[in-house]
C-alpha cells in the first residue's frame, strides 16, 4: 500500500465505471494497492581486513578503522539503491517500472 497525500498531485488514467483499478480514494489521501518490490545487497569485509585492524595498537584506532571500512560499504550500497530508484523513476515516466534484470514490476 502506497499512500499519496492529497495535494501531492498524480496523473491518472481514465477507466470505465466497472473497470478494475488499484486506487482507493479516502478523505485525506489516495491509496495505491500495488505489490512493492524488495531489494537486498550483501557486502563483506574480508578476514584479511579484520586482521589488519587487529594490528593497530590502540582499540580506539581499531574501532575508527572498522567504522571507516563499514562506511565505505554502506556508501556503495546506498549508491546502488539511489541508482535503482532513479532507473525506476525514469521507467515510471513511460508507464513501466523495471528491475535491474528487466522484469516488469509495475505496468500502468
PDB file of N, CA and C in Angstrom:
ATOM      1  N   UNK A   1       0.835  -1.181   0.000  1.00  0.00           N
ATOM      2  CA  UNK A   1       0.000   0.000   0.000  1.00  0.00           C
ATOM      3  C   UNK A   1       0.875   1.237   0.000  1.00  0.00           C
ATOM      4  N   UNK A   2       0.651   2.092  -0.953  1.00  0.00           N
ATOM      5  CA  UNK A   2       1.378   3.353  -1.034  1.00  0.00           C
ATOM      6  C   UNK A   2       0.374   4.470  -0.845  1.00  0.00           C
ATOM      7  N   UNK A   3       0.607   5.306   0.147  1.00  0.00           N
ATOM      8  CA  UNK A   3      -0.313   6.403   0.430  1.00  0.00           C
ATOM      9  C   UNK A   3       0.244   7.680  -0.163  1.00  0.00           C
ATOM     10  N   UNK A   4      -0.571   8.384  -0.939  1.00  0.00           N
ATOM     11  CA  UNK A   4      -0.173   9.648  -1.544  1.00  0.00           C
ATOM     12  C   UNK A   4      -1.082  10.719  -0.952  1.00  0.00           C
ATOM     13  N   UNK A   5      -0.513  11.628  -0.183  1.00  0.00           N
ATOM     14  CA  UNK A   5      -1.294  12.668   0.470  1.00  0.00           C
ATOM     15  C   UNK A   5      -1.915  13.554  -0.600  1.00  0.00           C
ATOM     16  N   UNK A   6      -3.194  13.864  -0.440  1.00  0.00           N
ATOM     17  CA  UNK A   6      -3.876  14.700  -1.428  1.00  0.00           C
ATOM     18  C   UNK A   6      -3.181  16.049  -1.526  1.00  0.00           C
ATOM     19  N   UNK A   7      -3.137  16.548  -2.732  1.00  0.00           N
ATOM     20  CA  UNK A   7      -2.432  17.781  -2.987  1.00  0.00           C
ATOM     21  C   UNK A   7      -1.050  17.517  -3.558  1.00  0.00           C
ATOM     22  N   UNK A   8      -0.573  16.259  -3.424  1.00  0.00           N
ATOM     23  CA  UNK A   8       0.728  15.904  -3.971  1.00  0.00           C
ATOM     24  C   UNK A   8       0.652  15.787  -5.484  1.00  0.00           C
ATOM     25  N   UNK A   9      -0.545  15.546  -6.016  1.00  0.00           N
ATOM     26  CA  UNK A   9      -0.764  15.524  -7.450  1.00  0.00           C
ATOM     27  C   UNK A   9      -0.179  14.325  -8.153  1.00  0.00           C
ATOM     28  N   UNK A  10      -1.035  13.529  -8.767  1.00  0.00           N
ATOM     29  CA  UNK A  10      -0.597  12.417  -9.597  1.00  0.00           C
ATOM     30  C   UNK A  10      -1.383  12.456 -10.892  1.00  0.00           C
ATOM     31  N   UNK A  11      -0.839  11.901 -11.942  1.00  0.00           N
ATOM     32  CA  UNK A  11      -1.505  11.833 -13.233  1.00  0.00           C
ATOM     33  C   UNK A  11      -2.233  10.503 -13.315  1.00  0.00           C
ATOM     34  N   UNK A  12      -3.532  10.541 -13.565  1.00  0.00           N
ATOM     35  CA  UNK A  12      -4.346   9.333 -13.579  1.00  0.00           C
ATOM     36  C   UNK A  12      -4.786   8.983 -14.988  1.00  0.00           C
ATOM     37  N   UNK A  13      -5.016   7.705 -15.231  1.00  0.00           N
ATOM     38  CA  UNK A  13      -5.605   7.235 -16.482  1.00  0.00           C
ATOM     39  C   UNK A  13      -7.093   7.047 -16.267  1.00  0.00           C
ATOM     40  N   UNK A  14      -7.889   7.277 -17.296  1.00  0.00           N
ATOM     41  CA  UNK A  14      -9.326   7.062 -17.168  1.00  0.00           C
ATOM     42  C   UNK A  14      -9.625   5.571 -17.254  1.00  0.00           C
ATOM     43  N   UNK A  15     -10.659   5.140 -16.542  1.00  0.00           N
ATOM     44  CA  UNK A  15     -11.102   3.749 -16.574  1.00  0.00           C
ATOM     45  C   UNK A  15     -12.613   3.734 -16.672  1.00  0.00           C
ATOM     46  N   UNK A  16     -13.173   2.614 -17.100  1.00  0.00           N
ATOM     47  CA  UNK A  16     -14.627   2.502 -17.161  1.00  0.00           C
ATOM     48  C   UNK A  16     -15.182   2.403 -15.744  1.00  0.00           C
ATOM     49  N   UNK A  17     -16.491   2.641 -15.601  1.00  0.00           N
ATOM     50  CA  UNK A  17     -17.117   2.620 -14.278  1.00  0.00           C
ATOM     51  C   UNK A  17     -16.932   1.293 -13.563  1.00  0.00           C
ATOM     52  N   UNK A  18     -16.944   0.197 -14.299  1.00  0.00           N
ATOM     53  CA  UNK A  18     -16.815  -1.125 -13.696  1.00  0.00           C
ATOM     54  C   UNK A  18     -15.410  -1.703 -13.832  1.00  0.00           C
ATOM     55  N   UNK A  19     -14.491  -0.927 -14.350  1.00  0.00           N
ATOM     56  CA  UNK A  19     -13.131  -1.411 -14.565  1.00  0.00           C
ATOM     57  C   UNK A  19     -12.368  -1.559 -13.262  1.00  0.00           C
ATOM     58  N   UNK A  20     -11.418  -2.500 -13.270  1.00  0.00           N
ATOM     59  CA  UNK A  20     -10.572  -2.692 -12.097  1.00  0.00           C
ATOM     60  C   UNK A  20      -9.546  -1.568 -12.012  1.00  0.00           C
ATOM     61  N   UNK A  21      -9.241  -1.191 -10.814  1.00  0.00           N
ATOM     62  CA  UNK A  21      -8.195  -0.192 -10.616  1.00  0.00           C
ATOM     63  C   UNK A  21      -7.541  -0.423  -9.268  1.00  0.00           C
ATOM     64  N   UNK A  22      -6.364   0.128  -9.096  1.00  0.00           N
ATOM     65  CA  UNK A  22      -5.607  -0.093  -7.868  1.00  0.00           C
ATOM     66  C   UNK A  22      -5.605   1.141  -6.975  1.00  0.00           C
ATOM     67  N   UNK A  23      -6.508   2.090  -7.241  1.00  0.00           N
ATOM     68  CA  UNK A  23      -6.519   3.341  -6.496  1.00  0.00           C
ATOM     69  C   UNK A  23      -7.756   3.430  -5.622  1.00  0.00           C
ATOM     70  N   UNK A  24      -7.544   3.676  -4.327  1.00  0.00           N
ATOM     71  CA  UNK A  24      -8.640   3.959  -3.401  1.00  0.00           C
ATOM     72  C   UNK A  24      -8.578   5.439  -3.074  1.00  0.00           C
ATOM     73  N   UNK A  25      -9.734   6.039  -2.842  1.00  0.00           N
ATOM     74  CA  UNK A  25      -9.793   7.451  -2.527  1.00  0.00           C
ATOM     75  C   UNK A  25     -10.364   7.604  -1.123  1.00  0.00           C
ATOM     76  N   UNK A  26      -9.590   8.167  -0.211  1.00  0.00           N
ATOM     77  CA  UNK A  26     -10.084   8.459   1.131  1.00  0.00           C
ATOM     78  C   UNK A  26     -10.157   9.968   1.289  1.00  0.00           C
ATOM     79  N   UNK A  27     -10.588  10.417   2.448  1.00  0.00           N
ATOM     80  CA  UNK A  27     -10.741  11.854   2.684  1.00  0.00           C
ATOM     81  C   UNK A  27      -9.423  12.610   2.533  1.00  0.00           C
ATOM     82  N   UNK A  28      -8.344  12.023   3.041  1.00  0.00           N
ATOM     83  CA  UNK A  28      -7.070  12.740   3.088  1.00  0.00           C
ATOM     84  C   UNK A  28      -6.013  12.263   2.105  1.00  0.00           C
ATOM     85  N   UNK A  29      -6.226  11.097   1.485  1.00  0.00           N
ATOM     86  CA  UNK A  29      -5.148  10.540   0.669  1.00  0.00           C
ATOM     87  C   UNK A  29      -5.695   9.642  -0.427  1.00  0.00           C
ATOM     88  N   UNK A  30      -4.868   9.456  -1.450  1.00  0.00           N
ATOM     89  CA  UNK A  30      -5.097   8.430  -2.461  1.00  0.00           C
ATOM     90  C   UNK A  30      -4.260   7.234  -2.035  1.00  0.00           C
ATOM     91  N   UNK A  31      -4.790   6.044  -2.149  1.00  0.00           N
ATOM     92  CA  UNK A  31      -4.047   4.855  -1.743  1.00  0.00           C
ATOM     93  C   UNK A  31      -3.928   3.918  -2.933  1.00  0.00           C
ATOM     94  N   UNK A  32      -2.702   3.640  -3.344  1.00  0.00           N
ATOM     95  CA  UNK A  32      -2.435   2.690  -4.421  1.00  0.00           C
ATOM     96  C   UNK A  32      -2.188   1.324  -3.805  1.00  0.00           C
ATOM     97  N   UNK A  33      -2.942   0.332  -4.224  1.00  0.00           N
ATOM     98  CA  UNK A  33      -2.742  -1.041  -3.754  1.00  0.00           C
ATOM     99  C   UNK A  33      -1.897  -1.779  -4.780  1.00  0.00           C
ATOM    100  N   UNK A  34      -0.607  -1.758  -4.563  1.00  0.00           N
ATOM    101  CA  UNK A  34       0.324  -2.379  -5.502  1.00  0.00           C
ATOM    102  C   UNK A  34       1.337  -3.206  -4.715  1.00  0.00           C
ATOM    103  N   UNK A  35       1.856  -4.266  -5.320  1.00  0.00           N
ATOM    104  CA  UNK A  35       2.919  -5.021  -4.649  1.00  0.00           C
ATOM    105  C   UNK A  35       4.222  -4.218  -4.704  1.00  0.00           C
ATOM    106  N   UNK A  36       4.903  -4.132  -3.588  1.00  0.00           N
ATOM    107  CA  UNK A  36       6.155  -3.388  -3.542  1.00  0.00           C
ATOM    108  C   UNK A  36       7.336  -4.346  -3.626  1.00  0.00           C
ATOM    109  N   UNK A  37       8.296  -4.044  -4.487  1.00  0.00           N
ATOM    110  CA  UNK A  37       9.462  -4.923  -4.605  1.00  0.00           C
ATOM    111  C   UNK A  37      10.394  -4.747  -3.417  1.00  0.00           C
ATOM    112  N   UNK A  38      11.160  -5.777  -3.151  1.00  0.00           N
ATOM    113  CA  UNK A  38      12.194  -5.721  -2.114  1.00  0.00           C
ATOM    114  C   UNK A  38      13.541  -5.905  -2.793  1.00  0.00           C
ATOM    115  N   UNK A  39      14.511  -5.174  -2.333  1.00  0.00           N
ATOM    116  CA  UNK A  39      15.857  -5.259  -2.882  1.00  0.00           C
ATOM    117  C   UNK A  39      16.833  -5.520  -1.741  1.00  0.00           C
ATOM    118  N   UNK A  40      17.861  -6.269  -2.023  1.00  0.00           N
ATOM    119  CA  UNK A  40      18.857  -6.557  -0.995  1.00  0.00           C
ATOM    120  C   UNK A  40      20.251  -6.568  -1.607  1.00  0.00           C
ATOM    121  N   UNK A  41      21.192  -6.157  -0.813  1.00  0.00           N
ATOM    122  CA  UNK A  41      22.604  -6.215  -1.192  1.00  0.00           C
ATOM    123  C   UNK A  41      23.368  -6.891  -0.064  1.00  0.00           C
ATOM    124  N   UNK A  42      24.410  -7.595  -0.411  1.00  0.00           N
ATOM    125  CA  UNK A  42      25.272  -8.213   0.600  1.00  0.00           C
ATOM    126  C   UNK A  42      26.705  -7.777   0.325  1.00  0.00           C
ATOM    127  N   UNK A  43      27.330  -7.234   1.318  1.00  0.00           N
ATOM    128  CA  UNK A  43      28.739  -6.838   1.230  1.00  0.00           C
ATOM    129  C   UNK A  43      29.472  -7.500   2.388  1.00  0.00           C
ATOM    130  N   UNK A  44      30.733  -7.781   2.185  1.00  0.00           N
ATOM    131  CA  UNK A  44      31.521  -8.439   3.223  1.00  0.00           C
ATOM    132  C   UNK A  44      32.836  -7.698   3.440  1.00  0.00           C
ATOM    133  N   UNK A  45      33.287  -7.771   4.666  1.00  0.00           N
ATOM    134  CA  UNK A  45      34.637  -7.311   4.991  1.00  0.00           C
ATOM    135  C   UNK A  45      35.476  -8.574   5.116  1.00  0.00           C
ATOM    136  N   UNK A  46      36.554  -8.626   4.372  1.00  0.00           N
ATOM    137  CA  UNK A  46      37.367  -9.847   4.339  1.00  0.00           C
ATOM    138  C   UNK A  46      38.120 -10.057   5.653  1.00  0.00           C
ATOM    139  N   UNK A  47      38.501 -11.298   5.880  1.00  0.00           N
ATOM    140  CA  UNK A  47      39.262 -11.647   7.084  1.00  0.00           C
ATOM    141  C   UNK A  47      40.590 -10.901   7.119  1.00  0.00           C
ATOM    142  N   UNK A  48      41.201 -10.716   5.958  1.00  0.00           N
ATOM    143  CA  UNK A  48      42.485 -10.002   5.936  1.00  0.00           C
ATOM    144  C   UNK A  48      42.308  -8.549   6.383  1.00  0.00           C
ATOM    145  N   UNK A  49      41.175  -7.941   6.039  1.00  0.00           N
ATOM    146  CA  UNK A  49      40.921  -6.572   6.501  1.00  0.00           C
ATOM    147  C   UNK A  49      40.757  -6.530   8.019  1.00  0.00           C
ATOM    148  N   UNK A  50      40.042  -7.516   8.568  1.00  0.00           N
ATOM    149  CA  UNK A  50      39.866  -7.591  10.023  1.00  0.00           C
ATOM    150  C   UNK A  50      41.215  -7.802  10.704  1.00  0.00           C
ATOM    151  N   UNK A  51      42.036  -8.688  10.144  1.00  0.00           N
ATOM    152  CA  UNK A  51      43.364  -8.945  10.720  1.00  0.00           C
ATOM    153  C   UNK A  51      44.239  -7.699  10.678  1.00  0.00           C
ATOM    154  N   UNK A  52      44.130  -6.916   9.621  1.00  0.00           N
ATOM    155  CA  UNK A  52      44.932  -5.691   9.552  1.00  0.00           C
ATOM    156  C   UNK A  52      44.465  -4.684  10.601  1.00  0.00           C
ATOM    157  N   UNK A  53      43.186  -4.720  10.951  1.00  0.00           N
ATOM    158  CA  UNK A  53      42.693  -3.837  12.013  1.00  0.00           C
ATOM    159  C   UNK A  53      43.260  -4.251  13.370  1.00  0.00           C
ATOM    160  N   UNK A  54      43.406  -5.552  13.577  1.00  0.00           N
ATOM    161  CA  UNK A  54      43.938  -6.053  14.852  1.00  0.00           C
ATOM    162  C   UNK A  54      45.393  -5.642  15.062  1.00  0.00           C
ATOM    163  N   UNK A  55      46.079  -5.366  13.970  1.00  0.00           N
ATOM    164  CA  UNK A  55      47.484  -4.982  14.097  1.00  0.00           C
ATOM    165  C   UNK A  55      47.637  -3.573  14.660  1.00  0.00           C
ATOM    166  N   UNK A  56      46.562  -2.794  14.647  1.00  0.00           N
ATOM    167  CA  UNK A  56      46.633  -1.454  15.224  1.00  0.00           C
ATOM    168  C   UNK A  56      46.726  -1.574  16.741  1.00  0.00           C
ATOM    169  N   UNK A  57      47.584  -0.772  17.330  1.00  0.00           N
ATOM    170  CA  UNK A  57      47.862  -0.904  18.763  1.00  0.00           C
ATOM    171  C   UNK A  57      46.682  -0.483  19.642  1.00  0.00           C
ATOM    172  N   UNK A  58      46.089   0.618  19.331  1.00  0.00           N
ATOM    173  CA  UNK A  58      45.025   1.147  20.183  1.00  0.00           C
ATOM    174  C   UNK A  58      43.655   0.635  19.751  1.00  0.00           C
ATOM    175  N   UNK A  59      42.845   0.269  20.731  1.00  0.00           N
ATOM    176  CA  UNK A  59      41.498  -0.218  20.442  1.00  0.00           C
ATOM    177  C   UNK A  59      40.665   0.881  19.776  1.00  0.00           C
ATOM    178  N   UNK A  60      40.913   2.119  20.164  1.00  0.00           N
ATOM    179  CA  UNK A  60      40.195   3.245  19.569  1.00  0.00           C
ATOM    180  C   UNK A  60      40.512   3.352  18.074  1.00  0.00           C
ATOM    181  N   UNK A  61      41.765   3.132  17.713  1.00  0.00           N
ATOM    182  CA  UNK A  61      42.168   3.170  16.306  1.00  0.00           C
ATOM    183  C   UNK A  61      41.525   2.024  15.534  1.00  0.00           C
ATOM    184  N   UNK A  62      41.402   0.851  16.169  1.00  0.00           N
ATOM    185  CA  UNK A  62      40.738  -0.291  15.528  1.00  0.00           C
ATOM    186  C   UNK A  62      39.274   0.034  15.238  1.00  0.00           C
ATOM    187  N   UNK A  63      38.594   0.601  16.236  1.00  0.00           N
ATOM    188  CA  UNK A  63      37.176   0.940  16.070  1.00  0.00           C
ATOM    189  C   UNK A  63      36.995   1.985  14.977  1.00  0.00           C
ATOM    190  N   UNK A  64      37.885   2.973  14.945  1.00  0.00           N
ATOM    191  CA  UNK A  64      37.792   4.028  13.936  1.00  0.00           C
ATOM    192  C   UNK A  64      38.020   3.459  12.531  1.00  0.00           C
ATOM    193  N   UNK A  65      38.984   2.574  12.394  1.00  0.00           N
ATOM    194  CA  UNK A  65      39.260   1.959  11.090  1.00  0.00           C
ATOM    195  C   UNK A  65      38.105   1.069  10.642  1.00  0.00           C
ATOM    196  N   UNK A  66      37.527   0.313  11.585  1.00  0.00           N
ATOM    197  CA  UNK A  66      36.397  -0.549  11.250  1.00  0.00           C
ATOM    198  C   UNK A  66      35.194   0.281  10.823  1.00  0.00           C
ATOM    199  N   UNK A  67      34.924   1.362  11.544  1.00  0.00           N
ATOM    200  CA  UNK A  67      33.786   2.203  11.166  1.00  0.00           C
ATOM    201  C   UNK A  67      34.014   2.848   9.802  1.00  0.00           C
ATOM    202  N   UNK A  68      35.265   3.182   9.486  1.00  0.00           N
ATOM    203  CA  UNK A  68      35.569   3.723   8.162  1.00  0.00           C
ATOM    204  C   UNK A  68      35.326   2.703   7.066  1.00  0.00           C
ATOM    205  N   UNK A  69      35.730   1.448   7.312  1.00  0.00           N
ATOM    206  CA  UNK A  69      35.506   0.376   6.327  1.00  0.00           C
ATOM    207  C   UNK A  69      34.013   0.124   6.138  1.00  0.00           C
ATOM    208  N   UNK A  70      33.265   0.125   7.243  1.00  0.00           N
ATOM    209  CA  UNK A  70      31.812  -0.052   7.143  1.00  0.00           C
ATOM    210  C   UNK A  70      31.174   1.110   6.392  1.00  0.00           C
ATOM    211  N   UNK A  71      31.662   2.319   6.643  1.00  0.00           N
ATOM    212  CA  UNK A  71      31.136   3.496   5.951  1.00  0.00           C
ATOM    213  C   UNK A  71      31.300   3.407   4.444  1.00  0.00           C
ATOM    214  N   UNK A  72      32.447   2.896   4.000  1.00  0.00           N
ATOM    215  CA  UNK A  72      32.690   2.727   2.559  1.00  0.00           C
ATOM    216  C   UNK A  72      31.680   1.745   1.966  1.00  0.00           C
ATOM    217  N   UNK A  73      31.446   0.624   2.660  1.00  0.00           N
ATOM    218  CA  UNK A  73      30.489  -0.371   2.165  1.00  0.00           C
ATOM    219  C   UNK A  73      29.069   0.183   2.129  1.00  0.00           C
ATOM    220  N   UNK A  74      28.674   0.886   3.176  1.00  0.00           N
ATOM    221  CA  UNK A  74      27.326   1.460   3.228  1.00  0.00           C
ATOM    222  C   UNK A  74      27.148   2.492   2.121  1.00  0.00           C
ATOM    223  N   UNK A  75      28.188   3.289   1.857  1.00  0.00           N
ATOM    224  CA  UNK A  75      28.118   4.288   0.783  1.00  0.00           C
ATOM    225  C   UNK A  75      27.911   3.610  -0.571  1.00  0.00           C
ATOM    226  N   UNK A  76      28.645   2.535  -0.827  1.00  0.00           N
ATOM    227  CA  UNK A  76      28.492   1.802  -2.091  1.00  0.00           C
ATOM    228  C   UNK A  76      27.074   1.248  -2.227  1.00  0.00           C
ATOM    229  N   UNK A  77      26.541   0.704  -1.132  1.00  0.00           N
ATOM    230  CA  UNK A  77      25.199   0.138  -1.173  1.00  0.00           C
ATOM    231  C   UNK A  77      24.156   1.232  -1.394  1.00  0.00           C
ATOM    232  N   UNK A  78      24.326   2.366  -0.735  1.00  0.00           N
ATOM    233  CA  UNK A  78      23.382   3.473  -0.898  1.00  0.00           C
ATOM    234  C   UNK A  78      23.396   3.975  -2.337  1.00  0.00           C
ATOM    235  N   UNK A  79      24.571   4.053  -2.941  1.00  0.00           N
ATOM    236  CA  UNK A  79      24.667   4.483  -4.337  1.00  0.00           C
ATOM    237  C   UNK A  79      23.900   3.534  -5.251  1.00  0.00           C
ATOM    238  N   UNK A  80      23.956   2.229  -4.963  1.00  0.00           N
ATOM    239  CA  UNK A  80      23.213   1.257  -5.769  1.00  0.00           C
ATOM    240  C   UNK A  80      21.711   1.452  -5.618  1.00  0.00           C
ATOM    241  N   UNK A  81      21.251   1.692  -4.392  1.00  0.00           N
ATOM    242  CA  UNK A  81      19.823   1.936  -4.181  1.00  0.00           C
ATOM    243  C   UNK A  81      19.382   3.225  -4.864  1.00  0.00           C
ATOM    244  N   UNK A  82      20.188   4.278  -4.773  1.00  0.00           N
ATOM    245  CA  UNK A  82      19.843   5.540  -5.433  1.00  0.00           C
ATOM    246  C   UNK A  82      19.790   5.379  -6.946  1.00  0.00           C
ATOM    247  N   UNK A  83      20.733   4.635  -7.505  1.00  0.00           N
ATOM    248  CA  UNK A  83      20.729   4.377  -8.945  1.00  0.00           C
ATOM    249  C   UNK A  83      19.479   3.605  -9.342  1.00  0.00           C
ATOM    250  N   UNK A  84      19.094   2.621  -8.525  1.00  0.00           N
ATOM    251  CA  UNK A  84      17.893   1.830  -8.793  1.00  0.00           C
ATOM    252  C   UNK A  84      16.652   2.710  -8.762  1.00  0.00           C
ATOM    253  N   UNK A  85      16.543   3.575  -7.768  1.00  0.00           N
ATOM    254  CA  UNK A  85      15.384   4.467  -7.677  1.00  0.00           C
ATOM    255  C   UNK A  85      15.307   5.405  -8.875  1.00  0.00           C
ATOM    256  N   UNK A  86      16.448   5.927  -9.306  1.00  0.00           N
ATOM    257  CA  UNK A  86      16.472   6.813 -10.469  1.00  0.00           C
ATOM    258  C   UNK A  86      16.042   6.059 -11.729  1.00  0.00           C
ATOM    259  N   UNK A  87      16.529   4.837 -11.886  1.00  0.00           N
ATOM    260  CA  UNK A  87      16.170   3.991 -13.025  1.00  0.00           C
ATOM    261  C   UNK A  87      14.666   3.724 -13.034  1.00  0.00           C
ATOM    262  N   UNK A  88      14.118   3.408 -11.864  1.00  0.00           N
ATOM    263  CA  UNK A  88      12.692   3.118 -11.769  1.00  0.00           C
ATOM    264  C   UNK A  88      11.854   4.377 -12.004  1.00  0.00           C
ATOM    265  N   UNK A  89      12.319   5.525 -11.535  1.00  0.00           N
ATOM    266  CA  UNK A  89      11.598   6.779 -11.755  1.00  0.00           C
ATOM    267  C   UNK A  89      11.547   7.118 -13.240  1.00  0.00           C
ATOM    268  N   UNK A  90      12.650   6.878 -13.957  1.00  0.00           N
ATOM    269  CA  UNK A  90      12.648   7.105 -15.405  1.00  0.00           C
ATOM    270  C   UNK A  90      11.665   6.183 -16.097  1.00  0.00           C
ATOM    271  N   UNK A  91      11.603   4.930 -15.675  1.00  0.00           N
ATOM    272  CA  UNK A  91      10.641   3.998 -16.248  1.00  0.00           C
ATOM    273  C   UNK A  91       9.214   4.417 -15.973  1.00  0.00           C
ATOM    274  N   UNK A  92       8.970   4.979 -14.788  1.00  0.00           N
ATOM    275  CA  UNK A  92       7.618   5.416 -14.425  1.00  0.00           C
ATOM    276  C   UNK A  92       7.120   6.506 -15.359  1.00  0.00           C
ATOM    277  N   UNK A  93       8.025   7.316 -15.884  1.00  0.00           N
ATOM    278  CA  UNK A  93       7.620   8.352 -16.837  1.00  0.00           C
ATOM    279  C   UNK A  93       6.990   7.746 -18.084  1.00  0.00           C
ATOM    280  N   UNK A  94       7.381   6.523 -18.410  1.00  0.00           N
ATOM    281  CA  UNK A  94       6.868   5.848 -19.599  1.00  0.00           C
ATOM    282  C   UNK A  94       5.850   4.767 -19.256  1.00  0.00           C
ATOM    283  N   UNK A  95       5.468   4.668 -17.983  1.00  0.00           N
ATOM    284  CA  UNK A  95       4.407   3.754 -17.578  1.00  0.00           C
ATOM    285  C   UNK A  95       4.837   2.337 -17.290  1.00  0.00           C
ATOM    286  N   UNK A  96       6.128   2.090 -17.196  1.00  0.00           N
ATOM    287  CA  UNK A  96       6.591   0.731 -16.924  1.00  0.00           C
ATOM    288  C   UNK A  96       7.816   0.789 -16.014  1.00  0.00           C
ATOM    289  N   UNK A  97       7.693   0.166 -14.855  1.00  0.00           N
ATOM    290  CA  UNK A  97       8.806   0.139 -13.908  1.00  0.00           C
ATOM    291  C   UNK A  97       9.450  -1.239 -13.971  1.00  0.00           C
ATOM    292  N   UNK A  98      10.752  -1.248 -14.242  1.00  0.00           N
ATOM    293  CA  UNK A  98      11.512  -2.492 -14.391  1.00  0.00           C
ATOM    294  C   UNK A  98      12.565  -2.591 -13.299  1.00  0.00           C
ATOM    295  N   UNK A  99      12.982  -3.831 -13.005  1.00  0.00           N
ATOM    296  CA  UNK A  99      14.115  -4.002 -12.100  1.00  0.00           C
ATOM    297  C   UNK A  99      15.391  -4.119 -12.927  1.00  0.00           C
ATOM    298  N   UNK A 100      16.494  -4.409 -12.288  1.00  0.00           N
ATOM    299  CA  UNK A 100      17.785  -4.476 -12.965  1.00  0.00           C
ATOM    300  C   UNK A 100      17.897  -5.567 -14.012  1.00  0.00           C
ATOM    301  N   UNK A 101      17.071  -6.622 -13.905  1.00  0.00           N
ATOM    302  CA  UNK A 101      17.081  -7.706 -14.888  1.00  0.00           C
ATOM    303  C   UNK A 101      16.073  -7.489 -16.004  1.00  0.00           C
ATOM    304  N   UNK A 102      15.335  -6.384 -15.946  1.00  0.00           N
ATOM    305  CA  UNK A 102      14.330  -6.110 -16.964  1.00  0.00           C
ATOM    306  C   UNK A 102      12.968  -6.703 -16.657  1.00  0.00           C
ATOM    307  N   UNK A 103      12.796  -7.279 -15.457  1.00  0.00           N
ATOM    308  CA  UNK A 103      11.486  -7.800 -15.064  1.00  0.00           C
ATOM    309  C   UNK A 103      10.538  -6.638 -14.806  1.00  0.00           C
ATOM    310  N   UNK A 104       9.311  -6.744 -15.295  1.00  0.00           N
ATOM    311  CA  UNK A 104       8.323  -5.691 -15.095  1.00  0.00           C
ATOM    312  C   UNK A 104       7.788  -5.786 -13.671  1.00  0.00           C
ATOM    313  N   UNK A 105       7.976  -4.711 -12.900  1.00  0.00           N
ATOM    314  CA  UNK A 105       7.476  -4.662 -11.533  1.00  0.00           C
ATOM    315  C   UNK A 105       6.097  -4.027 -11.473  1.00  0.00           C
ATOM    316  N   UNK A 106       5.863  -3.047 -12.328  1.00  0.00           N
ATOM    317  CA  UNK A 106       4.588  -2.337 -12.344  1.00  0.00           C
ATOM    318  C   UNK A 106       4.382  -1.776 -13.734  1.00  0.00           C
ATOM    319  N   UNK A 107       3.229  -2.006 -14.292  1.00  0.00           N
ATOM    320  CA  UNK A 107       2.900  -1.556 -15.646  1.00  0.00           C
ATOM    321  C   UNK A 107       1.568  -0.834 -15.577  1.00  0.00           C
ATOM    322  N   UNK A 108       1.558   0.433 -15.967  1.00  0.00           N
ATOM    323  CA  UNK A 108       0.309   1.189 -15.911  1.00  0.00           C
ATOM    324  C   UNK A 108       0.151   2.057 -17.129  1.00  0.00           C
TER     325      UNK A 108
END
